[in-house]
Amino acid sequence: VQLQASGGGLVQPGGSLRLSCAASGISASIYDMGWYRQAPGKLRELVARITSGGKINYADSVLGRFAIDRVNAKDTVYLQMNRLKPEDTAVYYCNAYRIAPRENYWGQGTQVTVSS
């Protein structure tokens, strides 16, 4: 199983990025897919998650700025990030999870740096 995250980079405050996570070895449609991030010296935190049924939730800090969506036919999940702030700087990780049977997979991470 592989989760290949891409789309990170350096962007100025107020800018946008779109992250992609392509899953292979699994049928992503039956998994809850999420984006997490980890800044230096901080714990990994949930950014956004979309369940296999399409239910979405966001961290309060990104609500109204970020949007998660999935294209099941491509086994891919996206994170559109708008109005980026320096505090959004982190390594962003893709996650695939299901509860029965319990499976939990992580991608390799993609760096997002918001700086002028």
C-alpha atoms as a PDB file:
ATOM      1  CA  VAL A   1       0.000   0.000   0.000  1.00  0.00           C
ATOM      2  CA  GLN A   2       1.294   3.438  -0.943  1.00  0.00           C
ATOM      3  CA  LEU A   3      -0.053   6.917  -0.398  1.00  0.00           C
ATOM      4  CA  GLN A   4       1.844   9.323  -2.622  1.00  0.00           C
ATOM      5  CA  ALA A   5       1.437  12.929  -1.504  1.00  0.00           C
ATOM      6  CA  SER A   6       2.441  15.807  -3.747  1.00  0.00           C
ATOM      7  CA  GLY A   7       1.799  19.493  -4.330  1.00  0.00           C
ATOM      8  CA  GLY A   8       3.668  21.063  -1.443  1.00  0.00           C
ATOM      9  CA  GLY A   9       6.039  23.964  -1.816  1.00  0.00           C
ATOM     10  CA  LEU A  10       6.877  27.508  -0.854  1.00  0.00           C
ATOM     11  CA  VAL A  11       4.094  30.080  -1.077  1.00  0.00           C
ATOM     12  CA  GLN A  12       3.603  33.625   0.143  1.00  0.00           C
ATOM     13  CA  PRO A  13       1.017  34.450   2.809  1.00  0.00           C
ATOM     14  CA  GLY A  14      -2.395  34.713   1.222  1.00  0.00           C
ATOM     15  CA  GLY A  15      -1.474  32.287  -1.522  1.00  0.00           C
ATOM     16  CA  SER A  16      -2.892  28.892  -2.446  1.00  0.00           C
ATOM     17  CA  LEU A  17      -1.696  25.335  -2.900  1.00  0.00           C
ATOM     18  CA  ARG A  18      -3.443  22.134  -3.871  1.00  0.00           C
ATOM     19  CA  LEU A  19      -2.169  18.898  -2.377  1.00  0.00           C
ATOM     20  CA  SER A  20      -2.848  15.525  -3.931  1.00  0.00           C
ATOM     21  CA  CYS A  21      -2.683  12.070  -2.419  1.00  0.00           C
ATOM     22  CA  ALA A  22      -2.786   9.128  -4.789  1.00  0.00           C
ATOM     23  CA  ALA A  23      -3.421   5.735  -3.221  1.00  0.00           C
ATOM     24  CA  SER A  24      -2.204   2.476  -4.672  1.00  0.00           C
ATOM     25  CA  GLY A  25      -2.695  -1.036  -3.384  1.00  0.00           C
ATOM     26  CA  ILE A  26      -6.058  -0.184  -1.894  1.00  0.00           C
ATOM     27  CA  SER A  27      -9.433   0.904  -3.123  1.00  0.00           C
ATOM     28  CA  ALA A  28      -9.495   4.334  -1.515  1.00  0.00           C
ATOM     29  CA  SER A  29     -13.259   4.598  -1.842  1.00  0.00           C
ATOM     30  CA  ILE A  30     -13.802   2.310   1.148  1.00  0.00           C
ATOM     31  CA  TYR A  31     -11.441   4.248   3.419  1.00  0.00           C
ATOM     32  CA  ASP A  32     -11.783   7.416   5.407  1.00  0.00           C
ATOM     33  CA  MET A  33      -9.141   9.714   3.926  1.00  0.00           C
ATOM     34  CA  GLY A  34      -7.514  12.526   5.794  1.00  0.00           C
ATOM     35  CA  TRP A  35      -4.826  15.161   5.763  1.00  0.00           C
ATOM     36  CA  TYR A  36      -2.734  15.758   8.854  1.00  0.00           C
ATOM     37  CA  ARG A  37       0.138  18.136   9.457  1.00  0.00           C
ATOM     38  CA  GLN A  38       3.086  18.372  11.779  1.00  0.00           C
ATOM     39  CA  ALA A  39       5.019  21.549  12.421  1.00  0.00           C
ATOM     40  CA  PRO A  40       8.495  21.488  14.013  1.00  0.00           C
ATOM     41  CA  GLY A  41       8.243  20.809  17.726  1.00  0.00           C
ATOM     42  CA  LYS A  42       4.521  20.127  17.593  1.00  0.00           C
ATOM     43  CA  LEU A  43       2.324  17.052  17.555  1.00  0.00           C
ATOM     44  CA  ARG A  44       0.737  15.807  14.363  1.00  0.00           C
ATOM     45  CA  GLU A  45      -2.767  17.219  14.041  1.00  0.00           C
ATOM     46  CA  LEU A  46      -5.793  16.568  11.895  1.00  0.00           C
ATOM     47  CA  VAL A  47      -6.379  19.164   9.181  1.00  0.00           C
ATOM     48  CA  ALA A  48      -9.295  17.678   7.252  1.00  0.00           C
ATOM     49  CA  ARG A  49     -10.972  14.332   6.808  1.00  0.00           C
ATOM     50  CA  ILE A  50     -13.518  12.895   4.407  1.00  0.00           C
ATOM     51  CA  THR A  51     -15.182   9.598   5.239  1.00  0.00           C
ATOM     52  CA  SER A  52     -15.976   6.853   2.772  1.00  0.00           C
ATOM     53  CA  GLY A  53     -19.550   8.132   2.895  1.00  0.00           C
ATOM     54  CA  GLY A  54     -18.522  11.697   2.097  1.00  0.00           C
ATOM     55  CA  LYS A  55     -18.834  13.262   5.537  1.00  0.00           C
ATOM     56  CA  ILE A  56     -16.252  16.026   5.997  1.00  0.00           C
ATOM     57  CA  ASN A  57     -14.747  17.678   9.006  1.00  0.00           C
ATOM     58  CA  TYR A  58     -12.033  20.320   9.380  1.00  0.00           C
ATOM     59  CA  ALA A  59      -9.799  21.645  12.081  1.00  0.00           C
ATOM     60  CA  ASP A  60     -11.108  24.970  13.356  1.00  0.00           C
ATOM     61  CA  SER A  61      -7.891  26.672  12.267  1.00  0.00           C
ATOM     62  CA  VAL A  62      -8.501  25.906   8.570  1.00  0.00           C
ATOM     63  CA  LEU A  63     -12.280  26.127   8.408  1.00  0.00           C
ATOM     64  CA  GLY A  64     -13.341  28.352   5.523  1.00  0.00           C
ATOM     65  CA  ARG A  65      -9.867  28.349   3.958  1.00  0.00           C
ATOM     66  CA  PHE A  66      -9.189  24.692   3.130  1.00  0.00           C
ATOM     67  CA  ALA A  67     -11.327  22.203   1.233  1.00  0.00           C
ATOM     68  CA  ILE A  68     -10.933  18.441   0.997  1.00  0.00           C
ATOM     69  CA  ASP A  69     -12.387  16.347  -1.783  1.00  0.00           C
ATOM     70  CA  ARG A  70     -11.906  12.924  -3.276  1.00  0.00           C
ATOM     71  CA  VAL A  71     -12.157  11.319  -6.674  1.00  0.00           C
ATOM     72  CA  ASN A  72     -12.787   7.653  -5.987  1.00  0.00           C
ATOM     73  CA  ALA A  73     -12.296   6.651  -9.604  1.00  0.00           C
ATOM     74  CA  LYS A  74      -8.711   7.895  -9.299  1.00  0.00           C
ATOM     75  CA  ASP A  75      -8.156   6.681  -5.709  1.00  0.00           C
ATOM     76  CA  THR A  76      -7.079  10.233  -5.001  1.00  0.00           C
ATOM     77  CA  VAL A  77      -7.855  12.785  -2.320  1.00  0.00           C
ATOM     78  CA  TYR A  78      -7.100  16.492  -2.593  1.00  0.00           C
ATOM     79  CA  LEU A  79      -6.629  19.367  -0.208  1.00  0.00           C
ATOM     80  CA  GLN A  80      -7.198  22.833  -1.630  1.00  0.00           C
ATOM     81  CA  MET A  81      -5.538  25.366   0.635  1.00  0.00           C
ATOM     82  CA  ASN A  82      -6.420  29.029   0.225  1.00  0.00           C
ATOM     83  CA  ARG A  83      -5.479  32.179   2.121  1.00  0.00           C
ATOM     84  CA  LEU A  84      -2.450  30.423   3.544  1.00  0.00           C
ATOM     85  CA  LYS A  85      -0.845  31.749   6.696  1.00  0.00           C
ATOM     86  CA  PRO A  86       2.677  31.317   8.091  1.00  0.00           C
ATOM     87  CA  GLU A  87       1.194  29.132  10.829  1.00  0.00           C
ATOM     88  CA  ASP A  88       0.098  26.655   8.145  1.00  0.00           C
ATOM     89  CA  THR A  89       3.759  25.813   7.593  1.00  0.00           C
ATOM     90  CA  ALA A  90       4.220  22.099   8.268  1.00  0.00           C
ATOM     91  CA  VAL A  91       4.759  18.716   6.709  1.00  0.00           C
ATOM     92  CA  TYR A  92       1.401  17.505   5.447  1.00  0.00           C
ATOM     93  CA  TYR A  93       0.609  13.803   5.564  1.00  0.00           C
ATOM     94  CA  CYS A  94      -2.076  11.814   3.838  1.00  0.00           C
ATOM     95  CA  ASN A  95      -3.866   9.081   5.795  1.00  0.00           C
ATOM     96  CA  ALA A  96      -6.177   6.225   4.876  1.00  0.00           C
ATOM     97  CA  TYR A  97      -8.134   4.527   7.644  1.00  0.00           C
ATOM     98  CA  ARG A  98     -10.885   2.041   8.123  1.00  0.00           C
ATOM     99  CA  ILE A  99     -12.210   0.497  11.287  1.00  0.00           C
ATOM    100  CA  ALA A 100     -13.224  -3.018  10.251  1.00  0.00           C
ATOM    101  CA  PRO A 101     -10.864  -4.608   9.668  1.00  0.00           C
ATOM    102  CA  ARG A 102      -8.669  -2.019  11.271  1.00  0.00           C
ATOM    103  CA  GLU A 103      -6.210  -0.572   8.764  1.00  0.00           C
ATOM    104  CA  ASN A 104      -4.234   2.643   9.003  1.00  0.00           C
ATOM    105  CA  TYR A 105      -1.835   3.890   6.321  1.00  0.00           C
ATOM    106  CA  TRP A 106       0.325   7.007   6.052  1.00  0.00           C
ATOM    107  CA  GLY A 107       1.924   8.741   3.143  1.00  0.00           C
ATOM    108  CA  GLN A 108       5.466  10.106   3.159  1.00  0.00           C
ATOM    109  CA  GLY A 109       4.537  13.744   3.716  1.00  0.00           C
ATOM    110  CA  THR A 110       4.917  16.888   1.638  1.00  0.00           C
ATOM    111  CA  GLN A 111       6.401  20.131   2.944  1.00  0.00           C
ATOM    112  CA  VAL A 112       4.311  23.289   2.872  1.00  0.00           C
ATOM    113  CA  THR A 113       6.104  26.532   3.725  1.00  0.00           C
ATOM    114  CA  VAL A 114       4.243  29.819   3.927  1.00  0.00           C
ATOM    115  CA  SER A 115       6.656  32.706   4.036  1.00  0.00           C
ATOM    116  CA  SER A 116       7.319  36.053   2.436  1.00  0.00           C
END
